[in-house]
Amino acid sequence: MTSLESHKEKILVVDDEASIRRILETRLSMIGYDVVTAADGEEALDTFRNATPDLVVLDVMMPKLDGYGVCQELRKESDVPIIMLTA
């Protein structure tokens, strides 16, 4: 197996509700994705910079920095696809 074949796409899941993070992490891992998580907007930016994910699943309503603020910051440095979660 080459290094390209062994690459798992990485998804960053950001949500302040632990149960939603766990559900998404479990389901996405089951179908073969490498999943990293963050519980708020500030943690999301740090995790994004360290993990360099291929996709971000981003909750809108979060403490410290909401999803819109995170999205604006991410767009300053990346064009990674972002899926926004809303209630």
PDB file of N, CA and C in Angstrom:
ATOM      1  N   MET A   1       0.841  -1.169   0.000  1.00  0.00           N
ATOM      2  CA  MET A   1       0.000   0.000   0.000  1.00  0.00           C
ATOM      3  C   MET A   1       0.894   1.242   0.000  1.00  0.00           C
ATOM      4  N   THR A   2       0.643   2.174  -0.915  1.00  0.00           N
ATOM      5  CA  THR A   2       1.421   3.399  -0.959  1.00  0.00           C
ATOM      6  C   THR A   2       0.911   4.389   0.072  1.00  0.00           C
ATOM      7  N   SER A   3       1.684   5.440   0.304  1.00  0.00           N
ATOM      8  CA  SER A   3       1.266   6.442   1.289  1.00  0.00           C
ATOM      9  C   SER A   3      -0.007   7.152   0.850  1.00  0.00           C
ATOM     10  N   LEU A   4      -0.235   7.297  -0.456  1.00  0.00           N
ATOM     11  CA  LEU A   4      -1.475   7.921  -0.917  1.00  0.00           C
ATOM     12  C   LEU A   4      -2.682   7.043  -0.625  1.00  0.00           C
ATOM     13  N   GLU A   5      -2.524   5.747  -0.773  1.00  0.00           N
ATOM     14  CA  GLU A   5      -3.635   4.838  -0.525  1.00  0.00           C
ATOM     15  C   GLU A   5      -3.986   4.762   0.957  1.00  0.00           C
ATOM     16  N   SER A   6      -3.025   5.001   1.834  1.00  0.00           N
ATOM     17  CA  SER A   6      -3.283   4.888   3.257  1.00  0.00           C
ATOM     18  C   SER A   6      -3.791   6.201   3.868  1.00  0.00           C
ATOM     19  N   HIS A   7      -3.835   7.284   3.096  1.00  0.00           N
ATOM     20  CA  HIS A   7      -4.298   8.576   3.603  1.00  0.00           C
ATOM     21  C   HIS A   7      -5.802   8.535   3.859  1.00  0.00           C
ATOM     22  N   LYS A   8      -6.166   8.814   5.095  1.00  0.00           N
ATOM     23  CA  LYS A   8      -7.576   8.925   5.445  1.00  0.00           C
ATOM     24  C   LYS A   8      -7.922  10.401   5.477  1.00  0.00           C
ATOM     25  N   GLU A   9      -9.024  10.756   4.842  1.00  0.00           N
ATOM     26  CA  GLU A   9      -9.430  12.153   4.888  1.00  0.00           C
ATOM     27  C   GLU A   9      -9.817  12.517   6.309  1.00  0.00           C
ATOM     28  N   LYS A  10      -9.428  13.723   6.703  1.00  0.00           N
ATOM     29  CA  LYS A  10      -9.626  14.166   8.084  1.00  0.00           C
ATOM     30  C   LYS A  10     -10.749  15.196   8.147  1.00  0.00           C
ATOM     31  N   ILE A  11     -11.631  15.024   9.126  1.00  0.00           N
ATOM     32  CA  ILE A  11     -12.744  15.940   9.344  1.00  0.00           C
ATOM     33  C   ILE A  11     -12.643  16.518  10.748  1.00  0.00           C
ATOM     34  N   LEU A  12     -12.767  17.840  10.828  1.00  0.00           N
ATOM     35  CA  LEU A  12     -12.828  18.524  12.107  1.00  0.00           C
ATOM     36  C   LEU A  12     -14.297  18.766  12.441  1.00  0.00           C
ATOM     37  N   VAL A  13     -14.756  18.211  13.555  1.00  0.00           N
ATOM     38  CA  VAL A  13     -16.125  18.399  14.031  1.00  0.00           C
ATOM     39  C   VAL A  13     -16.078  19.374  15.195  1.00  0.00           C
ATOM     40  N   VAL A  14     -16.827  20.480  15.072  1.00  0.00           N
ATOM     41  CA  VAL A  14     -16.829  21.522  16.095  1.00  0.00           C
ATOM     42  C   VAL A  14     -18.251  21.711  16.605  1.00  0.00           C
ATOM     43  N   ASP A  15     -18.469  21.429  17.878  1.00  0.00           N
ATOM     44  CA  ASP A  15     -19.779  21.619  18.495  1.00  0.00           C
ATOM     45  C   ASP A  15     -19.589  21.699  19.996  1.00  0.00           C
ATOM     46  N   ASP A  16     -20.327  22.592  20.649  1.00  0.00           N
ATOM     47  CA  ASP A  16     -20.183  22.727  22.099  1.00  0.00           C
ATOM     48  C   ASP A  16     -20.946  21.657  22.861  1.00  0.00           C
ATOM     49  N   GLU A  17     -21.783  20.889  22.177  1.00  0.00           N
ATOM     50  CA  GLU A  17     -22.500  19.789  22.832  1.00  0.00           C
ATOM     51  C   GLU A  17     -21.728  18.489  22.625  1.00  0.00           C
ATOM     52  N   ALA A  18     -21.260  17.926  23.742  1.00  0.00           N
ATOM     53  CA  ALA A  18     -20.433  16.715  23.689  1.00  0.00           C
ATOM     54  C   ALA A  18     -21.158  15.557  23.007  1.00  0.00           C
ATOM     55  N   SER A  19     -22.449  15.425  23.225  1.00  0.00           N
ATOM     56  CA  SER A  19     -23.191  14.304  22.633  1.00  0.00           C
ATOM     57  C   SER A  19     -23.204  14.396  21.107  1.00  0.00           C
ATOM     58  N   ILE A  20     -23.324  15.583  20.571  1.00  0.00           N
ATOM     59  CA  ILE A  20     -23.315  15.746  19.114  1.00  0.00           C
ATOM     60  C   ILE A  20     -21.925  15.455  18.566  1.00  0.00           C
ATOM     61  N   ARG A  21     -20.891  15.951  19.248  1.00  0.00           N
ATOM     62  CA  ARG A  21     -19.515  15.633  18.820  1.00  0.00           C
ATOM     63  C   ARG A  21     -19.288  14.128  18.799  1.00  0.00           C
ATOM     64  N   ARG A  22     -19.724  13.440  19.861  1.00  0.00           N
ATOM     65  CA  ARG A  22     -19.523  11.985  19.949  1.00  0.00           C
ATOM     66  C   ARG A  22     -20.255  11.252  18.832  1.00  0.00           C
ATOM     67  N   ILE A  23     -21.499  11.631  18.574  1.00  0.00           N
ATOM     68  CA  ILE A  23     -22.283  10.965  17.523  1.00  0.00           C
ATOM     69  C   ILE A  23     -21.604  11.143  16.170  1.00  0.00           C
ATOM     70  N   LEU A  24     -21.248  12.380  15.844  1.00  0.00           N
ATOM     71  CA  LEU A  24     -20.605  12.634  14.551  1.00  0.00           C
ATOM     72  C   LEU A  24     -19.253  11.942  14.451  1.00  0.00           C
ATOM     73  N   GLU A  25     -18.480  12.002  15.514  1.00  0.00           N
ATOM     74  CA  GLU A  25     -17.171  11.347  15.507  1.00  0.00           C
ATOM     75  C   GLU A  25     -17.316   9.842  15.296  1.00  0.00           C
ATOM     76  N   THR A  26     -18.242   9.228  16.002  1.00  0.00           N
ATOM     77  CA  THR A  26     -18.456   7.780  15.879  1.00  0.00           C
ATOM     78  C   THR A  26     -18.894   7.399  14.474  1.00  0.00           C
ATOM     79  N   ARG A  27     -19.898   8.086  13.963  1.00  0.00           N
ATOM     80  CA  ARG A  27     -20.433   7.749  12.634  1.00  0.00           C
ATOM     81  C   ARG A  27     -19.418   7.993  11.524  1.00  0.00           C
ATOM     82  N   LEU A  28     -18.735   9.111  11.578  1.00  0.00           N
ATOM     83  CA  LEU A  28     -17.750   9.403  10.534  1.00  0.00           C
ATOM     84  C   LEU A  28     -16.562   8.454  10.604  1.00  0.00           C
ATOM     85  N   SER A  29     -16.137   8.088  11.808  1.00  0.00           N
ATOM     86  CA  SER A  29     -15.043   7.123  11.962  1.00  0.00           C
ATOM     87  C   SER A  29     -15.434   5.755  11.423  1.00  0.00           C
ATOM     88  N   MET A  30     -16.689   5.388  11.646  1.00  0.00           N
ATOM     89  CA  MET A  30     -17.170   4.077  11.180  1.00  0.00           C
ATOM     90  C   MET A  30     -17.096   3.942   9.665  1.00  0.00           C
ATOM     91  N   ILE A  31     -17.216   5.058   8.952  1.00  0.00           N
ATOM     92  CA  ILE A  31     -17.161   4.973   7.487  1.00  0.00           C
ATOM     93  C   ILE A  31     -15.791   5.375   6.932  1.00  0.00           C
ATOM     94  N   GLY A  32     -14.797   5.459   7.821  1.00  0.00           N
ATOM     95  CA  GLY A  32     -13.425   5.560   7.356  1.00  0.00           C
ATOM     96  C   GLY A  32     -12.729   6.900   7.448  1.00  0.00           C
ATOM     97  N   TYR A  33     -13.361   7.872   8.063  1.00  0.00           N
ATOM     98  CA  TYR A  33     -12.702   9.173   8.196  1.00  0.00           C
ATOM     99  C   TYR A  33     -11.893   9.255   9.478  1.00  0.00           C
ATOM    100  N   ASP A  34     -10.833  10.036   9.440  1.00  0.00           N
ATOM    101  CA  ASP A  34     -10.064  10.388  10.622  1.00  0.00           C
ATOM    102  C   ASP A  34     -10.749  11.638  11.178  1.00  0.00           C
ATOM    103  N   VAL A  35     -11.198  11.606  12.420  1.00  0.00           N
ATOM    104  CA  VAL A  35     -11.995  12.697  12.982  1.00  0.00           C
ATOM    105  C   VAL A  35     -11.269  13.326  14.166  1.00  0.00           C
ATOM    106  N   VAL A  36     -11.192  14.655  14.149  1.00  0.00           N
ATOM    107  CA  VAL A  36     -10.715  15.429  15.287  1.00  0.00           C
ATOM    108  C   VAL A  36     -11.860  16.337  15.711  1.00  0.00           C
ATOM    109  N   THR A  37     -11.895  16.711  16.992  1.00  0.00           N
ATOM    110  CA  THR A  37     -13.019  17.494  17.480  1.00  0.00           C
ATOM    111  C   THR A  37     -12.549  18.718  18.262  1.00  0.00           C
ATOM    112  N   ALA A  38     -13.480  19.668  18.384  1.00  0.00           N
ATOM    113  CA  ALA A  38     -13.265  20.857  19.199  1.00  0.00           C
ATOM    114  C   ALA A  38     -14.597  21.246  19.820  1.00  0.00           C
ATOM    115  N   ALA A  39     -14.533  21.820  21.039  1.00  0.00           N
ATOM    116  CA  ALA A  39     -15.746  22.121  21.796  1.00  0.00           C
ATOM    117  C   ALA A  39     -16.169  23.588  21.717  1.00  0.00           C
ATOM    118  N   ASP A  40     -15.326  24.454  21.174  1.00  0.00           N
ATOM    119  CA  ASP A  40     -15.717  25.856  21.021  1.00  0.00           C
ATOM    120  C   ASP A  40     -14.913  26.467  19.873  1.00  0.00           C
ATOM    121  N   GLY A  41     -15.237  27.708  19.556  1.00  0.00           N
ATOM    122  CA  GLY A  41     -14.614  28.347  18.403  1.00  0.00           C
ATOM    123  C   GLY A  41     -13.120  28.547  18.519  1.00  0.00           C
ATOM    124  N   GLU A  42     -12.661  28.948  19.698  1.00  0.00           N
ATOM    125  CA  GLU A  42     -11.222  29.156  19.879  1.00  0.00           C
ATOM    126  C   GLU A  42     -10.457  27.850  19.738  1.00  0.00           C
ATOM    127  N   GLU A  43     -10.987  26.797  20.345  1.00  0.00           N
ATOM    128  CA  GLU A  43     -10.356  25.473  20.225  1.00  0.00           C
ATOM    129  C   GLU A  43     -10.391  25.005  18.776  1.00  0.00           C
ATOM    130  N   ALA A  44     -11.455  25.336  18.069  1.00  0.00           N
ATOM    131  CA  ALA A  44     -11.575  24.944  16.663  1.00  0.00           C
ATOM    132  C   ALA A  44     -10.447  25.529  15.825  1.00  0.00           C
ATOM    133  N   LEU A  45     -10.141  26.796  16.035  1.00  0.00           N
ATOM    134  CA  LEU A  45      -9.070  27.429  15.258  1.00  0.00           C
ATOM    135  C   LEU A  45      -7.722  26.791  15.568  1.00  0.00           C
ATOM    136  N   ASP A  46      -7.446  26.529  16.835  1.00  0.00           N
ATOM    137  CA  ASP A  46      -6.192  25.862  17.201  1.00  0.00           C
ATOM    138  C   ASP A  46      -6.108  24.471  16.592  1.00  0.00           C
ATOM    139  N   THR A  47      -7.194  23.719  16.712  1.00  0.00           N
ATOM    140  CA  THR A  47      -7.223  22.353  16.189  1.00  0.00           C
ATOM    141  C   THR A  47      -7.075  22.354  14.675  1.00  0.00           C
ATOM    142  N   PHE A  48      -7.740  23.291  14.017  1.00  0.00           N
ATOM    143  CA  PHE A  48      -7.639  23.387  12.563  1.00  0.00           C
ATOM    144  C   PHE A  48      -6.192  23.591  12.132  1.00  0.00           C
ATOM    145  N   ARG A  49      -5.509  24.489  12.791  1.00  0.00           N
ATOM    146  CA  ARG A  49      -4.125  24.803  12.419  1.00  0.00           C
ATOM    147  C   ARG A  49      -3.185  23.633  12.686  1.00  0.00           C
ATOM    148  N   ASN A  50      -3.466  22.848  13.711  1.00  0.00           N
ATOM    149  CA  ASN A  50      -2.616  21.703  14.038  1.00  0.00           C
ATOM    150  C   ASN A  50      -2.943  20.455  13.241  1.00  0.00           C
ATOM    151  N   ALA A  51      -4.214  20.261  12.909  1.00  0.00           N
ATOM    152  CA  ALA A  51      -4.645  19.009  12.279  1.00  0.00           C
ATOM    153  C   ALA A  51      -4.789  19.105  10.767  1.00  0.00           C
ATOM    154  N   THR A  52      -4.891  20.295  10.216  1.00  0.00           N
ATOM    155  CA  THR A  52      -5.116  20.530   8.784  1.00  0.00           C
ATOM    156  C   THR A  52      -6.158  19.566   8.181  1.00  0.00           C
ATOM    157  N   PRO A  53      -7.420  19.702   8.609  1.00  0.00           N
ATOM    158  CA  PRO A  53      -8.458  18.800   8.111  1.00  0.00           C
ATOM    159  C   PRO A  53      -8.846  19.084   6.658  1.00  0.00           C
ATOM    160  N   ASP A  54      -9.488  18.091   6.038  1.00  0.00           N
ATOM    161  CA  ASP A  54      -9.975  18.215   4.666  1.00  0.00           C
ATOM    162  C   ASP A  54     -11.385  18.803   4.613  1.00  0.00           C
ATOM    163  N   LEU A  55     -12.086  18.786   5.751  1.00  0.00           N
ATOM    164  CA  LEU A  55     -13.457  19.274   5.850  1.00  0.00           C
ATOM    165  C   LEU A  55     -13.699  19.708   7.288  1.00  0.00           C
ATOM    166  N   VAL A  56     -14.518  20.750   7.477  1.00  0.00           N
ATOM    167  CA  VAL A  56     -14.910  21.195   8.812  1.00  0.00           C
ATOM    168  C   VAL A  56     -16.424  21.135   8.916  1.00  0.00           C
ATOM    169  N   VAL A  57     -16.914  20.476   9.964  1.00  0.00           N
ATOM    170  CA  VAL A  57     -18.345  20.479  10.297  1.00  0.00           C
ATOM    171  C   VAL A  57     -18.452  21.395  11.501  1.00  0.00           C
ATOM    172  N   LEU A  58     -19.158  22.523  11.335  1.00  0.00           N
ATOM    173  CA  LEU A  58     -19.075  23.633  12.271  1.00  0.00           C
ATOM    174  C   LEU A  58     -20.448  24.043  12.791  1.00  0.00           C
ATOM    175  N   ASP A  59     -20.622  23.970  14.113  1.00  0.00           N
ATOM    176  CA  ASP A  59     -21.843  24.437  14.759  1.00  0.00           C
ATOM    177  C   ASP A  59     -21.875  25.964  14.711  1.00  0.00           C
ATOM    178  N   VAL A  60     -23.051  26.539  14.555  1.00  0.00           N
ATOM    179  CA  VAL A  60     -23.180  27.994  14.507  1.00  0.00           C
ATOM    180  C   VAL A  60     -23.161  28.594  15.905  1.00  0.00           C
ATOM    181  N   MET A  61     -23.966  28.051  16.811  1.00  0.00           N
ATOM    182  CA  MET A  61     -24.120  28.628  18.150  1.00  0.00           C
ATOM    183  C   MET A  61     -23.154  27.971  19.126  1.00  0.00           C
ATOM    184  N   MET A  62     -22.078  28.714  19.479  1.00  0.00           N
ATOM    185  CA  MET A  62     -21.084  28.203  20.421  1.00  0.00           C
ATOM    186  C   MET A  62     -20.590  29.332  21.308  1.00  0.00           C
ATOM    187  N   PRO A  63     -20.064  28.987  22.484  1.00  0.00           N
ATOM    188  CA  PRO A  63     -19.478  30.012  23.351  1.00  0.00           C
ATOM    189  C   PRO A  63     -18.115  30.474  22.826  1.00  0.00           C
ATOM    190  N   LYS A  64     -17.652  31.576  23.377  1.00  0.00           N
ATOM    191  CA  LYS A  64     -16.340  32.186  23.084  1.00  0.00           C
ATOM    192  C   LYS A  64     -16.293  32.792  21.687  1.00  0.00           C
ATOM    193  N   LEU A  65     -16.425  31.990  20.665  1.00  0.00           N
ATOM    194  CA  LEU A  65     -16.408  32.454  19.279  1.00  0.00           C
ATOM    195  C   LEU A  65     -17.406  31.595  18.518  1.00  0.00           C
ATOM    196  N   ASP A  66     -18.432  32.211  17.942  1.00  0.00           N
ATOM    197  CA  ASP A  66     -19.467  31.414  17.272  1.00  0.00           C
ATOM    198  C   ASP A  66     -18.986  30.892  15.920  1.00  0.00           C
ATOM    199  N   GLY A  67     -19.807  30.062  15.308  1.00  0.00           N
ATOM    200  CA  GLY A  67     -19.445  29.431  14.050  1.00  0.00           C
ATOM    201  C   GLY A  67     -19.183  30.413  12.925  1.00  0.00           C
ATOM    202  N   TYR A  68     -19.927  31.519  12.901  1.00  0.00           N
ATOM    203  CA  TYR A  68     -19.699  32.521  11.861  1.00  0.00           C
ATOM    204  C   TYR A  68     -18.305  33.149  12.010  1.00  0.00           C
ATOM    205  N   GLY A  69     -17.929  33.427  13.253  1.00  0.00           N
ATOM    206  CA  GLY A  69     -16.600  33.992  13.514  1.00  0.00           C
ATOM    207  C   GLY A  69     -15.494  33.021  13.138  1.00  0.00           C
ATOM    208  N   VAL A  70     -15.694  31.747  13.470  1.00  0.00           N
ATOM    209  CA  VAL A  70     -14.714  30.721  13.097  1.00  0.00           C
ATOM    210  C   VAL A  70     -14.604  30.641  11.581  1.00  0.00           C
ATOM    211  N   CYS A  71     -15.741  30.635  10.912  1.00  0.00           N
ATOM    212  CA  CYS A  71     -15.752  30.557   9.449  1.00  0.00           C
ATOM    213  C   CYS A  71     -14.992  31.733   8.840  1.00  0.00           C
ATOM    214  N   GLN A  72     -15.207  32.936   9.346  1.00  0.00           N
ATOM    215  CA  GLN A  72     -14.497  34.108   8.838  1.00  0.00           C
ATOM    216  C   GLN A  72     -12.987  33.968   9.019  1.00  0.00           C
ATOM    217  N   GLU A  73     -12.570  33.480  10.190  1.00  0.00           N
ATOM    218  CA  GLU A  73     -11.142  33.302  10.440  1.00  0.00           C
ATOM    219  C   GLU A  73     -10.540  32.227   9.535  1.00  0.00           C
ATOM    220  N   LEU A  74     -11.271  31.122   9.361  1.00  0.00           N
ATOM    221  CA  LEU A  74     -10.768  30.048   8.502  1.00  0.00           C
ATOM    222  C   LEU A  74     -10.623  30.519   7.063  1.00  0.00           C
ATOM    223  N   ARG A  75     -11.544  31.349   6.600  1.00  0.00           N
ATOM    224  CA  ARG A  75     -11.490  31.835   5.222  1.00  0.00           C
ATOM    225  C   ARG A  75     -10.297  32.747   4.971  1.00  0.00           C
ATOM    226  N   LYS A  76      -9.754  33.322   6.010  1.00  0.00           N
ATOM    227  CA  LYS A  76      -8.563  34.171   5.865  1.00  0.00           C
ATOM    228  C   LYS A  76      -7.329  33.344   5.518  1.00  0.00           C
ATOM    229  N   GLU A  77      -7.376  32.040   5.857  1.00  0.00           N
ATOM    230  CA  GLU A  77      -6.183  31.216   5.653  1.00  0.00           C
ATOM    231  C   GLU A  77      -6.408  29.927   4.867  1.00  0.00           C
ATOM    232  N   SER A  78      -7.652  29.621   4.540  1.00  0.00           N
ATOM    233  CA  SER A  78      -7.909  28.344   3.875  1.00  0.00           C
ATOM    234  C   SER A  78      -9.217  28.392   3.086  1.00  0.00           C
ATOM    235  N   ASP A  79      -9.290  27.536   2.069  1.00  0.00           N
ATOM    236  CA  ASP A  79     -10.554  27.377   1.346  1.00  0.00           C
ATOM    237  C   ASP A  79     -11.137  25.985   1.598  1.00  0.00           C
ATOM    238  N   VAL A  80     -10.805  25.411   2.754  1.00  0.00           N
ATOM    239  CA  VAL A  80     -11.328  24.095   3.128  1.00  0.00           C
ATOM    240  C   VAL A  80     -12.868  24.136   3.111  1.00  0.00           C
ATOM    241  N   PRO A  81     -13.509  23.065   2.649  1.00  0.00           N
ATOM    242  CA  PRO A  81     -14.977  23.031   2.694  1.00  0.00           C
ATOM    243  C   PRO A  81     -15.470  23.060   4.134  1.00  0.00           C
ATOM    244  N   ILE A  82     -16.565  23.808   4.361  1.00  0.00           N
ATOM    245  CA  ILE A  82     -17.165  23.930   5.687  1.00  0.00           C
ATOM    246  C   ILE A  82     -18.645  23.627   5.588  1.00  0.00           C
ATOM    247  N   ILE A  83     -19.117  22.735   6.448  1.00  0.00           N
ATOM    248  CA  ILE A  83     -20.555  22.458   6.580  1.00  0.00           C
ATOM    249  C   ILE A  83     -20.999  23.088   7.880  1.00  0.00           C
ATOM    250  N   MET A  84     -21.982  23.986   7.803  1.00  0.00           N
ATOM    251  CA  MET A  84     -22.486  24.670   8.992  1.00  0.00           C
ATOM    252  C   MET A  84     -23.662  23.882   9.560  1.00  0.00           C
ATOM    253  N   LEU A  85     -23.631  23.649  10.892  1.00  0.00           N
ATOM    254  CA  LEU A  85     -24.735  23.003  11.604  1.00  0.00           C
ATOM    255  C   LEU A  85     -25.559  24.078  12.301  1.00  0.00           C
ATOM    256  N   THR A  86     -26.881  24.017  12.132  1.00  0.00           N
ATOM    257  CA  THR A  86     -27.739  24.964  12.819  1.00  0.00           C
ATOM    258  C   THR A  86     -28.846  24.220  13.554  1.00  0.00           C
ATOM    259  N   ALA A  87     -29.392  24.853  14.574  1.00  0.00           N
ATOM    260  CA  ALA A  87     -30.460  24.226  15.355  1.00  0.00           C
ATOM    261  C   ALA A  87     -31.762  24.261  14.592  1.00  0.00           C
TER     262      ALA A  87
END
